[in-house]
Amino acid sequence: MVVEGNEIGVIVKTWEKEINIKRGNYAYEVYNRIQRCIKEYPESEVERYRTRHKELSDEEVGWQSI
């Protein structure tokens, strides 16, 4: 899942971008329910969260950074 601000997205597609050059260089397509669109993110921008809400409260945002 990816968060943009306090919005949570769901990973819908994952693939390895440069298979022959460097292993582990993944890209993710993420659906954001609030924005109603799918965006592509590099692996470095993907953060996983343990919550299932579509939007995080300020308190939950603080918990995720621990």
Protein backbone atom coordinates (compact mmCIF):
# COMPACT_ATOMS: atom_id res chain seq x y z
CA MET A 1 0.00 0.00 0.00
CA VAL A 2 1.15 3.51 -0.71
CA VAL A 3 0.21 6.68 1.08
CA GLU A 4 0.06 10.09 -0.56
CA GLY A 5 -0.39 12.41 2.35
CA ASN A 6 -3.02 10.51 4.33
CA GLU A 7 -4.51 8.53 1.42
CA ILE A 8 -3.97 4.81 1.03
CA GLY A 9 -3.67 2.97 -2.26
CA VAL A 10 -3.84 -0.68 -3.23
CA ILE A 11 -1.14 -2.28 -5.36
CA VAL A 12 -2.81 -3.74 -8.45
CA LYS A 13 0.24 -4.65 -10.54
CA THR A 14 3.95 -5.23 -9.88
CA TRP A 15 6.76 -5.91 -12.32
CA GLU A 16 10.54 -5.87 -12.48
CA LYS A 17 11.62 -2.99 -14.72
CA GLU A 18 15.20 -3.79 -15.72
CA ILE A 19 15.47 -7.56 -15.46
CA ASN A 20 18.89 -7.96 -17.08
CA ILE A 21 20.60 -5.00 -15.40
CA LYS A 22 19.76 -5.07 -11.70
CA ARG A 23 17.51 -7.44 -9.73
CA GLY A 24 14.96 -5.88 -7.40
CA ASN A 25 14.15 -2.78 -9.46
CA TYR A 26 10.37 -3.09 -9.22
CA ALA A 27 7.57 -0.80 -10.33
CA TYR A 28 4.06 -0.76 -8.88
CA GLU A 29 0.73 0.39 -10.24
CA VAL A 30 -1.38 1.59 -7.33
CA TYR A 31 -5.11 2.37 -7.26
CA ASN A 32 -6.01 5.35 -5.08
CA ARG A 33 -9.71 5.23 -4.19
CA ILE A 34 -9.98 8.90 -3.19
CA GLN A 35 -8.34 10.16 -6.41
CA ARG A 36 -10.02 7.37 -8.45
CA CYS A 37 -6.97 6.68 -10.55
CA ILE A 38 -4.04 4.31 -10.96
CA LYS A 39 -0.53 5.73 -10.68
CA GLU A 40 2.86 4.10 -11.15
CA TYR A 41 5.40 4.22 -8.31
CA PRO A 42 9.02 3.04 -8.09
CA GLU A 43 9.84 0.59 -5.32
CA SER A 44 11.59 3.33 -3.32
CA GLU A 45 8.28 5.20 -2.89
CA VAL A 46 6.20 2.21 -1.76
CA GLU A 47 5.43 2.00 1.94
CA ARG A 48 3.48 -0.85 3.45
CA TYR A 49 0.82 -0.21 6.06
CA ARG A 50 -1.08 -2.44 8.49
CA THR A 51 -4.36 -0.55 8.27
CA ARG A 52 -7.29 -1.16 5.94
CA HIS A 53 -8.93 2.27 6.07
CA LYS A 54 -8.93 4.38 2.92
CA GLU A 55 -7.75 7.43 4.87
CA LEU A 56 -5.52 7.71 7.96
CA SER A 57 -6.26 9.93 10.92
CA ASP A 58 -3.43 12.13 12.25
CA GLU A 59 -2.92 9.67 15.10
CA GLU A 60 -2.66 6.70 12.68
CA VAL A 61 -0.15 8.60 10.52
CA GLY A 62 2.00 8.97 13.64
CA TRP A 63 1.77 5.25 14.44
CA GLN A 64 2.92 4.28 10.94
CA SER A 65 6.21 6.16 11.28
CA ILE A 66 7.24 4.20 14.41
